[in-house]
């Protein structure tokens, strides 16, 4: 299986004229993905920054506030239930809307319902109210991650590979706008209605969150108006309902096992952590999560072994999508592609972890950073995303991917100039411009590349695995960025992040040699 000749047959690169490229921007799919991206970006900050400020104003202790970030763990482990989204039909909804739109609408209703539940819960009451808020936050994270799974699969299935760059650019733009609405928008509304750190008003936060639940109607309306992908209709043959229920049972029992082990280890280990430092707490929480995940997988395996669910259906649902990728590309090419997926974003993610601290160390004020990075930088990122999508359509995915890798590494060197100049607003805006333009460009090209790797039979699960893998190593390494800066200084650190991009460029070149991503003419 490792012979390159077994990889998919190379096809000639299809170049599109600028007229064809501009015409492609007016496709209905672009507007649909813009709206669906908005729907996907809205829930994230309602779990993170906006909820954290709400809890702090309500008098919840800081330790408990940070624990709420675990509600978003579903984004990291969504590949676990993505196979169920690919295989299990929903009563009534699948027959009326189709496989993809049924799950999309269910997830969006779930997101809106979780937001309403949070809005009706006052965390200042403590006790059960705080537990209820945590449960609604977990539900929001789970439903939001499910929505991401389905939208990614839907995007891949409604368009040809060469159009994925444009669709991913539209999706990223909508996602960013959704994050602004859920972040700055919620804070503006809450402050407008009179709540503050010293004057907590539950009704203000309640009204702001209820408005966010209503705004989710944009995604629901888009789901109802857009068509079901033809490929999804063709793949609708599924196992008998009883087997579906048993597979769902395996997943739910495994999930219950994870929760019980995570909770039980926490209760038993709490006395041991008293008086210990943050390093012990971090090691304990990491071990706690590892034990809970291990218990969940062991319970699922045991249920399959005793015949609770069909081992054949379990294999088709969870194992076959993984084996398909290795069989299609061969072991050597598949390993190369996975290495590229895991490393492509390493330069900008490792640097991004420390960027705001760097700006503060250079003497820039918080308003200056907010204006340059969060407002101006957002616009540049969206522009870079559309540029990357357009060029991926115009010159091909692999060429755009190579340009993205080169730009991501090279633009990190601009931070060395800012480190030497110090507090200079002109330099700040110049660095933010080229860095965010490169990041947006590379993201759009990379999403198009990931989309081209999936098999239409296993779209949801394979893309979920890729999207989880692409941030695992970069974010892990990014956790050590502070120690790197202490040891190397800022110029040395930025040089290192640029050098981290050199192997990525080599991997893109090797991947281009071993396979040609199919770019069929329209």
Protein backbone atom coordinates (compact mmCIF):
# COMPACT_ATOMS: atom_id res chain seq x y z
CA UNK A 1 0.00 0.00 0.00
CA UNK A 2 2.98 2.31 0.28
CA UNK A 3 3.71 2.60 -3.43
CA UNK A 4 3.09 6.11 -4.80
CA UNK A 5 1.59 4.56 -7.88
CA UNK A 6 -1.35 3.51 -5.71
CA UNK A 7 -2.21 7.11 -4.90
CA UNK A 8 -5.08 8.64 -6.86
CA UNK A 9 -4.19 9.21 -10.48
CA UNK A 10 -2.80 12.66 -11.22
CA UNK A 11 -4.95 14.89 -13.38
CA UNK A 12 -3.90 17.93 -15.39
CA UNK A 13 -4.21 21.23 -13.53
CA UNK A 14 -7.29 23.15 -14.57
CA UNK A 15 -6.66 26.90 -14.60
CA UNK A 16 -9.60 29.29 -14.59
CA UNK A 17 -9.70 32.71 -16.20
CA UNK A 18 -10.26 35.80 -14.05
CA UNK A 19 -13.72 36.15 -15.61
CA UNK A 20 -14.64 32.61 -14.54
CA UNK A 21 -13.24 33.29 -11.10
CA UNK A 22 -15.27 36.46 -10.58
CA UNK A 23 -18.40 34.72 -11.87
CA UNK A 24 -17.86 31.97 -9.30
CA UNK A 25 -18.10 34.56 -6.51
CA UNK A 26 -21.78 35.16 -7.39
CA UNK A 27 -22.76 31.55 -6.88
CA UNK A 28 -25.60 30.87 -4.38
CA UNK A 29 -23.23 28.62 -2.45
CA UNK A 30 -21.08 31.62 -1.46
CA UNK A 31 -23.97 33.43 0.24
CA UNK A 32 -25.16 30.20 1.87
CA UNK A 33 -21.75 29.47 3.38
CA UNK A 34 -21.46 33.09 4.53
CA UNK A 35 -24.70 32.72 6.50
CA UNK A 36 -23.87 29.23 7.77
CA UNK A 37 -20.43 30.44 8.83
CA UNK A 38 -22.11 33.20 10.84
CA UNK A 39 -24.32 30.58 12.51
CA UNK A 40 -21.24 28.47 13.34
CA UNK A 41 -19.19 31.37 14.72
CA UNK A 42 -21.93 32.73 16.99
CA UNK A 43 -21.87 30.11 19.81
CA UNK A 44 -18.11 30.01 20.47
CA UNK A 45 -17.67 33.22 22.48
CA UNK A 46 -20.98 32.65 24.27
CA UNK A 47 -19.08 29.83 26.02
CA UNK A 48 -15.75 31.62 26.40
CA UNK A 49 -15.20 35.36 26.85
CA UNK A 50 -18.80 36.62 27.07
CA UNK A 51 -19.84 33.92 29.53
CA UNK A 52 -16.68 34.46 31.59
CA UNK A 53 -17.49 38.16 32.03
CA UNK A 54 -21.08 37.33 32.93
CA UNK A 55 -19.96 34.86 35.60
CA UNK A 56 -17.40 37.27 37.01
CA UNK A 57 -20.02 40.03 37.30
CA UNK A 58 -22.34 37.54 39.01
CA UNK A 59 -19.72 36.95 41.70
CA UNK A 60 -18.64 33.45 40.64
CA UNK A 61 -15.09 32.73 41.82
CA UNK A 62 -12.35 32.82 39.19
CA UNK A 63 -11.49 29.11 39.57
CA UNK A 64 -15.05 28.09 38.71
CA UNK A 65 -15.19 30.54 35.79
CA UNK A 66 -12.16 28.99 34.09
CA UNK A 67 -13.64 25.49 34.45
CA UNK A 68 -16.49 26.58 32.17
CA UNK A 69 -14.03 26.64 29.25
CA UNK A 70 -14.17 22.82 29.34
CA UNK A 71 -17.68 23.12 27.93
CA UNK A 72 -16.01 23.66 24.56
CA UNK A 73 -14.07 20.38 24.63
CA UNK A 74 -16.59 19.06 22.14
CA UNK A 75 -14.78 21.02 19.43
CA UNK A 76 -11.63 18.96 20.06
CA UNK A 77 -13.37 15.58 20.23
CA UNK A 78 -16.08 16.03 17.62
CA UNK A 79 -14.52 13.30 15.48
CA UNK A 80 -15.82 10.76 18.04
CA UNK A 81 -19.50 11.29 17.16
CA UNK A 82 -18.98 12.57 13.61
CA UNK A 83 -19.42 8.97 12.30
CA UNK A 84 -22.90 8.88 13.85
CA UNK A 85 -23.76 12.08 11.97
CA UNK A 86 -22.65 10.35 8.78
CA UNK A 87 -24.62 7.15 9.41
CA UNK A 88 -27.65 7.65 11.69
CA UNK A 89 -30.90 9.08 10.27
CA UNK A 90 -33.11 11.38 12.34
CA UNK A 91 -36.79 10.46 12.70
CA UNK A 92 -38.98 12.51 10.33
CA UNK A 93 -36.34 15.21 9.76
CA UNK A 94 -34.07 13.10 7.53
CA UNK A 95 -37.02 12.10 5.35
CA UNK A 96 -38.17 15.70 4.97
CA UNK A 97 -34.87 17.60 4.72
CA UNK A 98 -32.24 15.02 3.81
CA UNK A 99 -29.26 13.67 5.73
CA UNK A 100 -27.17 16.86 6.00
CA UNK A 101 -29.85 19.52 6.44
CA UNK A 102 -31.69 17.42 9.05
CA UNK A 103 -28.66 17.33 11.35
CA UNK A 104 -27.86 20.96 10.56
CA UNK A 105 -31.31 22.13 11.62
CA UNK A 106 -31.30 19.90 14.72
CA UNK A 107 -27.92 21.30 15.78
CA UNK A 108 -29.04 24.89 15.23
CA UNK A 109 -32.22 24.32 17.24
CA UNK A 110 -30.07 22.74 19.94
CA UNK A 111 -27.70 25.73 19.96
CA UNK A 112 -30.61 28.18 20.23
CA UNK A 113 -32.23 26.09 22.98
CA UNK A 114 -28.99 25.92 24.99
CA UNK A 115 -28.56 29.70 24.72
CA UNK A 116 -32.15 30.21 25.91
CA UNK A 117 -31.46 27.85 28.83
CA UNK A 118 -28.40 29.88 29.79
CA UNK A 119 -30.38 33.11 29.49
CA UNK A 120 -33.02 31.80 31.91
CA UNK A 121 -30.40 30.82 34.51
CA UNK A 122 -28.97 33.33 36.99
CA UNK A 123 -25.48 32.14 38.04
CA UNK A 124 -25.50 34.57 40.97
CA UNK A 125 -27.95 32.22 42.71
CA UNK A 126 -25.14 29.67 43.08
CA UNK A 127 -25.72 26.03 43.94
CA UNK A 128 -27.97 24.24 41.46
CA UNK A 129 -28.24 27.35 39.26
CA UNK A 130 -24.48 27.27 38.62
CA UNK A 131 -24.64 23.55 37.84
CA UNK A 132 -27.54 24.20 35.48
CA UNK A 133 -25.57 26.94 33.74
CA UNK A 134 -22.66 24.49 33.30
CA UNK A 135 -24.97 21.84 31.81
CA UNK A 136 -26.43 24.31 29.32
CA UNK A 137 -22.90 25.46 28.41
CA UNK A 138 -21.87 21.82 27.75
CA UNK A 139 -25.00 21.34 25.62
CA UNK A 140 -24.14 24.51 23.70
CA UNK A 141 -20.59 23.25 23.05
CA UNK A 142 -21.85 19.83 21.92
CA UNK A 143 -24.53 21.20 19.60
CA UNK A 144 -22.19 23.85 18.19
CA UNK A 145 -19.50 21.24 17.45
CA UNK A 146 -22.17 19.07 15.79
CA UNK A 147 -23.21 22.03 13.66
CA UNK A 148 -19.57 22.46 12.59
CA UNK A 149 -19.37 18.78 11.60
CA UNK A 150 -22.45 19.02 9.38
CA UNK A 151 -21.62 22.38 7.80
CA UNK A 152 -18.12 21.16 6.88
CA UNK A 153 -19.61 18.04 5.28
CA UNK A 154 -22.30 20.09 3.52
CA UNK A 155 -19.72 22.55 2.14
CA UNK A 156 -17.60 19.75 0.71
CA UNK A 157 -20.57 17.95 -0.87
CA UNK A 158 -22.25 20.92 -2.61
CA UNK A 159 -19.27 21.97 -4.72
CA UNK A 160 -16.35 20.68 -6.77
CA UNK A 161 -12.85 20.57 -5.22
CA UNK A 162 -11.63 23.71 -7.01
CA UNK A 163 -14.56 25.72 -5.55
CA UNK A 164 -13.72 24.83 -1.95
CA UNK A 165 -11.31 27.74 -1.56
CA UNK A 166 -14.04 30.27 -2.36
CA UNK A 167 -16.55 28.51 -0.10
CA UNK A 168 -14.08 28.27 2.77
CA UNK A 169 -13.31 32.00 2.42
CA UNK A 170 -17.02 32.82 2.67
CA UNK A 171 -17.41 30.46 5.63
CA UNK A 172 -14.43 32.00 7.46
CA UNK A 173 -15.75 35.53 6.84
CA UNK A 174 -19.17 34.62 8.23
CA UNK A 175 -17.58 32.79 11.18
CA UNK A 176 -15.53 35.86 12.14
CA UNK A 177 -18.56 38.13 11.95
CA UNK A 178 -20.51 35.68 14.13
CA UNK A 179 -17.73 35.81 16.72
CA UNK A 180 -17.86 39.61 16.76
CA UNK A 181 -21.61 39.60 17.29
CA UNK A 182 -21.33 37.04 20.13
CA UNK A 183 -18.35 38.81 21.69
CA UNK A 184 -18.47 42.57 21.26
CA UNK A 185 -22.19 42.54 20.44
CA UNK A 186 -23.25 40.78 23.64
CA UNK A 187 -20.98 42.96 25.79
CA UNK A 188 -22.34 46.12 24.17
CA UNK A 189 -25.95 45.06 24.75
CA UNK A 190 -25.33 44.00 28.35
CA UNK A 191 -23.55 47.27 29.14
CA UNK A 192 -26.27 49.26 27.37
CA UNK A 193 -28.87 47.73 29.68
CA UNK A 194 -26.92 48.73 32.78
CA UNK A 195 -24.92 45.76 34.06
CA UNK A 196 -21.34 46.18 35.27
CA UNK A 197 -18.81 44.61 37.65
CA UNK A 198 -20.12 46.61 40.59
CA UNK A 199 -23.77 46.72 39.51
CA UNK A 200 -24.77 43.24 38.34
CA UNK A 201 -28.06 43.12 36.44
CA UNK A 202 -29.21 39.62 35.52
CA UNK A 203 -31.93 40.96 33.20
CA UNK A 204 -29.33 42.70 31.04
CA UNK A 205 -27.36 39.49 30.42
CA UNK A 206 -30.58 37.55 30.00
CA UNK A 207 -31.85 39.90 27.27
CA UNK A 208 -28.48 39.88 25.46
CA UNK A 209 -28.37 36.06 25.36
CA UNK A 210 -32.01 35.78 24.28
CA UNK A 211 -31.23 38.07 21.34
CA UNK A 212 -28.33 35.78 20.39
CA UNK A 213 -30.74 32.82 20.43
CA UNK A 214 -33.02 34.71 18.05
CA UNK A 215 -30.08 35.57 15.77
CA UNK A 216 -29.52 31.82 15.29
CA UNK A 217 -32.63 32.05 13.10
CA UNK A 218 -30.31 33.24 10.30
CA UNK A 219 -28.68 29.81 10.18
CA UNK A 220 -32.00 27.96 10.46
CA UNK A 221 -33.52 29.94 7.59
CA UNK A 222 -30.45 29.29 5.44
CA UNK A 223 -30.70 25.56 6.19
CA UNK A 224 -34.36 25.46 5.14
CA UNK A 225 -33.75 27.41 1.91
CA UNK A 226 -30.65 25.63 0.63
CA UNK A 227 -30.89 22.29 -1.24
CA UNK A 228 -29.65 18.94 0.01
CA UNK A 229 -26.43 17.80 -1.76
CA UNK A 230 -27.02 15.22 -4.49
CA UNK A 231 -24.17 13.06 -3.18
CA UNK A 232 -25.81 12.96 0.25
CA UNK A 233 -29.03 11.64 -1.29
CA UNK A 234 -27.09 8.92 -3.08
CA UNK A 235 -25.37 7.84 0.16
CA UNK A 236 -28.61 7.64 2.14
CA UNK A 237 -28.74 3.82 2.27
CA UNK A 238 -28.51 2.99 5.95
CA UNK A 239 -28.79 0.04 8.31
CA UNK A 240 -32.04 -0.98 10.04
CA UNK A 241 -33.34 1.39 12.74
CA UNK A 242 -32.65 -1.08 15.56
CA UNK A 243 -28.94 -1.17 14.72
CA UNK A 244 -28.86 2.64 14.67
CA UNK A 245 -30.35 2.79 18.15
CA UNK A 246 -27.81 0.30 19.48
CA UNK A 247 -24.90 2.28 18.00
CA UNK A 248 -26.35 5.43 19.56
CA UNK A 249 -26.61 3.53 22.84
CA UNK A 250 -22.92 2.60 22.68
CA UNK A 251 -22.02 6.26 22.20
CA UNK A 252 -24.31 7.48 25.02
CA UNK A 253 -23.11 4.83 27.50
CA UNK A 254 -19.50 5.67 26.62
CA UNK A 255 -20.25 9.35 27.13
CA UNK A 256 -21.86 8.57 30.49
CA UNK A 257 -18.78 6.57 31.48
CA UNK A 258 -16.54 9.52 30.56
CA UNK A 259 -18.62 11.92 32.69
CA UNK A 260 -18.77 9.60 35.71
CA UNK A 261 -15.04 8.80 35.70
CA UNK A 262 -14.15 12.47 35.17
CA UNK A 263 -16.44 13.51 38.06
CA UNK A 264 -15.37 10.65 40.35
CA UNK A 265 -11.63 11.21 39.89
CA UNK A 266 -12.21 14.91 40.52
CA UNK A 267 -13.98 14.21 43.80
CA UNK A 268 -11.33 11.75 44.97
CA UNK A 269 -8.40 13.91 43.92
CA UNK A 270 -9.64 17.24 45.28
CA UNK A 271 -8.16 16.71 48.80
CA UNK A 272 -4.80 15.77 47.28
CA UNK A 273 -4.57 19.07 45.40
CA UNK A 274 -5.08 21.24 48.48
CA UNK A 275 -2.03 23.46 48.94
CA UNK A 276 -0.23 22.26 45.80
CA UNK A 277 0.88 24.55 43.02
CA UNK A 278 -0.61 25.10 39.53
CA UNK A 279 1.73 22.55 37.92
CA UNK A 280 0.27 19.73 40.01
CA UNK A 281 -3.23 20.93 39.20
CA UNK A 282 -2.42 20.91 35.48
CA UNK A 283 -0.95 17.40 35.64
CA UNK A 284 -3.91 16.16 37.65
CA UNK A 285 -6.48 17.59 35.24
CA UNK A 286 -4.62 16.16 32.23
CA UNK A 287 -4.48 12.71 33.89
CA UNK A 288 -8.14 13.02 34.86
CA UNK A 289 -9.17 13.68 31.27
CA UNK A 290 -6.96 10.86 29.96
CA UNK A 291 -8.51 8.38 32.42
CA UNK A 292 -12.03 9.50 31.50
CA UNK A 293 -11.35 9.14 27.76
CA UNK A 294 -9.75 5.74 28.31
CA UNK A 295 -12.76 4.56 30.29
CA UNK A 296 -15.14 5.79 27.58
CA UNK A 297 -13.29 3.93 24.81
CA UNK A 298 -12.97 0.78 26.95
CA UNK A 299 -16.69 0.80 27.76
CA UNK A 300 -17.60 1.25 24.09
CA UNK A 301 -15.30 -1.59 23.06
CA UNK A 302 -16.75 -3.85 25.77
CA UNK A 303 -20.33 -3.15 24.70
CA UNK A 304 -19.46 -4.08 21.12
CA UNK A 305 -17.69 -7.26 22.26
CA UNK A 306 -20.69 -8.49 24.27
CA UNK A 307 -23.00 -7.95 21.31
CA UNK A 308 -24.86 -4.85 22.54
CA UNK A 309 -24.45 -3.46 19.00
CA UNK A 310 -23.40 -4.98 15.70
CA UNK A 311 -19.63 -5.19 15.40
CA UNK A 312 -19.99 -4.89 11.62
CA UNK A 313 -21.96 -1.65 11.93
CA UNK A 314 -19.48 -0.35 14.50
CA UNK A 315 -16.65 -1.14 12.09
CA UNK A 316 -18.40 0.62 9.20
CA UNK A 317 -19.24 3.62 11.40
CA UNK A 318 -15.99 4.22 13.28
CA UNK A 319 -13.21 2.17 11.65
CA UNK A 320 -13.97 2.17 7.91
CA UNK A 321 -13.65 5.99 7.46
CA UNK A 322 -10.11 5.86 8.90
CA UNK A 323 -9.05 2.79 6.89
CA UNK A 324 -10.50 4.33 3.71
CA UNK A 325 -8.06 7.23 3.87
CA UNK A 326 -5.04 4.92 4.21
CA UNK A 327 -6.29 2.59 1.47
CA UNK A 328 -6.96 5.39 -1.02
CA UNK A 329 -3.55 7.04 -0.73
CA UNK A 330 -1.30 4.21 0.39
CA UNK A 331 0.48 4.17 3.73
CA UNK A 332 3.48 6.32 2.73
CA UNK A 333 1.46 9.02 0.99
CA UNK A 334 -1.20 9.00 3.72
CA UNK A 335 1.48 9.46 6.41
CA UNK A 336 2.95 12.36 4.42
CA UNK A 337 -0.46 14.01 4.10
CA UNK A 338 -1.21 13.60 7.82
CA UNK A 339 2.16 15.15 8.66
CA UNK A 340 1.28 18.10 6.44
CA UNK A 341 -2.15 18.43 8.05
CA UNK A 342 -0.65 18.39 11.54
CA UNK A 343 2.12 20.90 10.80
CA UNK A 344 0.75 23.34 8.21
CA UNK A 345 -0.51 25.94 10.73
CA UNK A 346 2.43 25.63 13.14
CA UNK A 347 4.17 28.94 12.31
CA UNK A 348 1.20 31.25 12.83
CA UNK A 349 -0.43 29.32 15.74
CA UNK A 350 2.75 29.16 17.85
CA UNK A 351 3.36 32.87 17.28
CA UNK A 352 -0.29 33.77 17.77
CA UNK A 353 -0.32 32.41 21.33
CA UNK A 354 2.11 35.12 22.47
CA UNK A 355 1.29 37.94 20.03
CA UNK A 356 -0.94 40.02 22.33
CA UNK A 357 1.60 39.74 25.16
CA UNK A 358 4.28 40.87 22.73
CA UNK A 359 2.25 43.93 21.74
CA UNK A 360 1.80 44.85 25.40
CA UNK A 361 5.51 44.36 26.10
CA UNK A 362 6.24 46.77 23.24
CA UNK A 363 4.23 49.42 25.10
CA UNK A 364 0.99 49.42 23.08
CA UNK A 365 -2.17 50.13 25.06
CA UNK A 366 -5.16 47.81 25.17
CA UNK A 367 -7.32 50.15 23.02
CA UNK A 368 -4.52 50.38 20.44
CA UNK A 369 -4.19 46.58 20.35
CA UNK A 370 -7.97 46.12 20.16
CA UNK A 371 -8.29 48.56 17.27
CA UNK A 372 -5.32 47.25 15.29
CA UNK A 373 -5.66 43.52 15.92
CA UNK A 374 -9.33 42.85 16.66
CA UNK A 375 -10.98 45.37 14.32
CA UNK A 376 -8.57 46.31 11.52
CA UNK A 377 -6.90 42.88 11.65
CA UNK A 378 -10.25 41.12 11.28
CA UNK A 379 -10.99 42.97 8.05
CA UNK A 380 -7.54 42.10 6.69
CA UNK A 381 -7.98 38.42 7.66
CA UNK A 382 -11.29 38.25 5.78
CA UNK A 383 -9.67 39.92 2.76
CA UNK A 384 -6.79 37.45 2.91
CA UNK A 385 -9.28 34.57 3.09
CA UNK A 386 -11.06 35.68 -0.07
CA UNK A 387 -7.70 36.24 -1.80
CA UNK A 388 -6.64 32.71 -0.86
CA UNK A 389 -9.97 31.29 -2.03
CA UNK A 390 -9.84 33.16 -5.33
CA UNK A 391 -6.28 32.05 -6.09
CA UNK A 392 -7.05 28.45 -5.09
CA UNK A 393 -9.80 28.53 -7.71
CA UNK A 394 -7.66 30.45 -10.23
CA UNK A 395 -4.29 28.62 -10.03
CA UNK A 396 -5.16 25.42 -8.15
CA UNK A 397 -5.20 24.22 -4.55
CA UNK A 398 -1.62 22.94 -4.32
CA UNK A 399 -0.08 26.13 -5.71
CA UNK A 400 -2.18 28.27 -3.36
CA UNK A 401 -1.20 25.95 -0.49
CA UNK A 402 2.49 26.49 -1.30
CA UNK A 403 2.07 30.27 -1.37
CA UNK A 404 0.24 30.10 1.96
CA UNK A 405 3.06 28.10 3.56
CA UNK A 406 5.71 30.52 2.29
CA UNK A 407 3.77 33.62 3.39
CA UNK A 408 2.96 32.19 6.84
CA UNK A 409 6.63 31.59 7.56
CA UNK A 410 8.07 34.71 5.90
CA UNK A 411 5.66 37.23 7.46
CA UNK A 412 6.71 36.13 10.96
CA UNK A 413 10.06 37.83 10.28
CA UNK A 414 8.26 41.20 10.22
CA UNK A 415 7.74 40.86 13.98
CA UNK A 416 11.52 41.07 14.40
CA UNK A 417 11.39 44.57 12.92
CA UNK A 418 8.62 45.61 15.32
CA UNK A 419 10.61 44.15 18.25
CA UNK A 420 13.59 46.29 17.28
CA UNK A 421 11.61 49.46 16.58
CA UNK A 422 9.45 49.22 19.70
CA UNK A 423 6.25 51.19 20.16
CA UNK A 424 5.48 52.48 16.66
CA UNK A 425 1.85 52.47 15.46
CA UNK A 426 2.83 52.56 11.80
CA UNK A 427 4.93 49.42 12.23
CA UNK A 428 2.16 47.79 14.25
CA UNK A 429 -0.41 48.26 11.49
CA UNK A 430 2.06 47.15 8.84
CA UNK A 431 2.88 43.95 10.77
CA UNK A 432 -0.79 43.23 11.49
CA UNK A 433 -1.60 43.79 7.80
CA UNK A 434 0.85 41.32 6.34
CA UNK A 435 0.47 38.77 9.15
CA UNK A 436 -3.34 38.66 9.02
CA UNK A 437 -3.38 38.73 5.22
CA UNK A 438 -1.07 35.71 5.15
CA UNK A 439 -3.07 33.92 7.86
CA UNK A 440 -6.36 34.44 6.02
CA UNK A 441 -4.82 33.36 2.71
CA UNK A 442 -3.26 30.22 4.19
CA UNK A 443 -6.45 29.27 6.08
CA UNK A 444 -8.63 29.40 2.97
CA UNK A 445 -6.13 27.43 0.87
CA UNK A 446 -5.67 24.87 3.67
CA UNK A 447 -9.41 24.29 4.15
CA UNK A 448 -9.72 23.73 0.40
CA UNK A 449 -6.85 21.22 0.60
CA UNK A 450 -8.40 19.35 3.54
CA UNK A 451 -11.74 19.24 1.75
CA UNK A 452 -10.11 17.64 -1.30
CA UNK A 453 -8.71 14.81 0.85
CA UNK A 454 -12.08 13.53 2.04
CA UNK A 455 -14.06 10.67 0.54
CA UNK A 456 -17.65 11.67 -0.22
CA UNK A 457 -18.82 8.52 1.62
CA UNK A 458 -17.21 9.63 4.90
CA UNK A 459 -17.15 13.40 4.54
CA UNK A 460 -18.18 14.33 8.07
CA UNK A 461 -15.89 12.01 10.02
CA UNK A 462 -12.79 12.41 7.85
CA UNK A 463 -12.95 16.21 7.84
CA UNK A 464 -13.61 16.20 11.61
CA UNK A 465 -10.43 14.16 12.11
CA UNK A 466 -8.41 16.49 9.88
CA UNK A 467 -9.70 19.65 11.59
CA UNK A 468 -8.89 18.22 15.04
CA UNK A 469 -5.42 17.09 13.97
CA UNK A 470 -4.46 20.40 12.35
CA UNK A 471 -4.33 22.29 15.68
CA UNK A 472 -3.23 19.53 18.08
CA UNK A 473 0.58 19.83 17.82
CA UNK A 474 0.71 23.61 17.10
CA UNK A 475 -1.45 24.43 20.15
CA UNK A 476 0.52 22.03 22.33
CA UNK A 477 3.80 23.60 21.25
CA UNK A 478 2.27 27.06 21.60
CA UNK A 479 1.85 26.40 25.31
CA UNK A 480 5.64 26.64 25.62
CA UNK A 481 5.93 29.91 23.66
CA UNK A 482 6.40 31.94 26.86
CA UNK A 483 9.34 29.78 27.91
CA UNK A 484 10.80 30.09 24.38
CA UNK A 485 10.64 33.89 24.57
CA UNK A 486 12.32 33.83 28.00
CA UNK A 487 15.15 31.76 26.59
CA UNK A 488 15.55 33.27 23.10
CA UNK A 489 14.16 36.78 23.37
CA UNK A 490 11.54 38.06 20.96
CA UNK A 491 13.79 38.31 17.83
CA UNK A 492 15.08 34.78 18.37
CA UNK A 493 11.57 33.45 19.00
CA UNK A 494 10.17 35.03 15.82
CA UNK A 495 13.09 33.64 13.83
CA UNK A 496 12.34 30.19 15.25
CA UNK A 497 8.65 30.40 14.27
CA UNK A 498 9.67 31.34 10.72
CA UNK A 499 12.09 28.38 10.58
CA UNK A 500 9.30 26.07 11.76
CA UNK A 501 7.61 26.85 8.46
CA UNK A 502 10.50 25.54 6.34
CA UNK A 503 9.63 21.83 6.85
CA UNK A 504 6.03 22.70 5.99
CA UNK A 505 7.13 24.14 2.64
CA UNK A 506 9.06 20.92 1.99
CA UNK A 507 6.01 18.81 2.93
CA UNK A 508 3.80 20.77 0.51
CA UNK A 509 6.35 20.23 -2.27
CA UNK A 510 6.56 16.50 -1.50
CA UNK A 511 2.77 16.20 -1.35
CA UNK A 512 2.51 17.91 -4.71
CA UNK A 513 4.94 15.37 -6.15
CA UNK A 514 3.08 12.35 -4.79
CA UNK A 515 -0.41 13.32 -5.76
CA UNK A 516 -2.30 15.86 -7.82
CA UNK A 517 -5.46 17.18 -6.13
CA UNK A 518 -8.29 16.76 -8.62
CA UNK A 519 -9.32 20.12 -10.05
CA UNK A 520 -11.89 19.35 -12.68
CA UNK A 521 -12.99 22.05 -15.12
CA UNK A 522 -16.52 23.38 -14.54
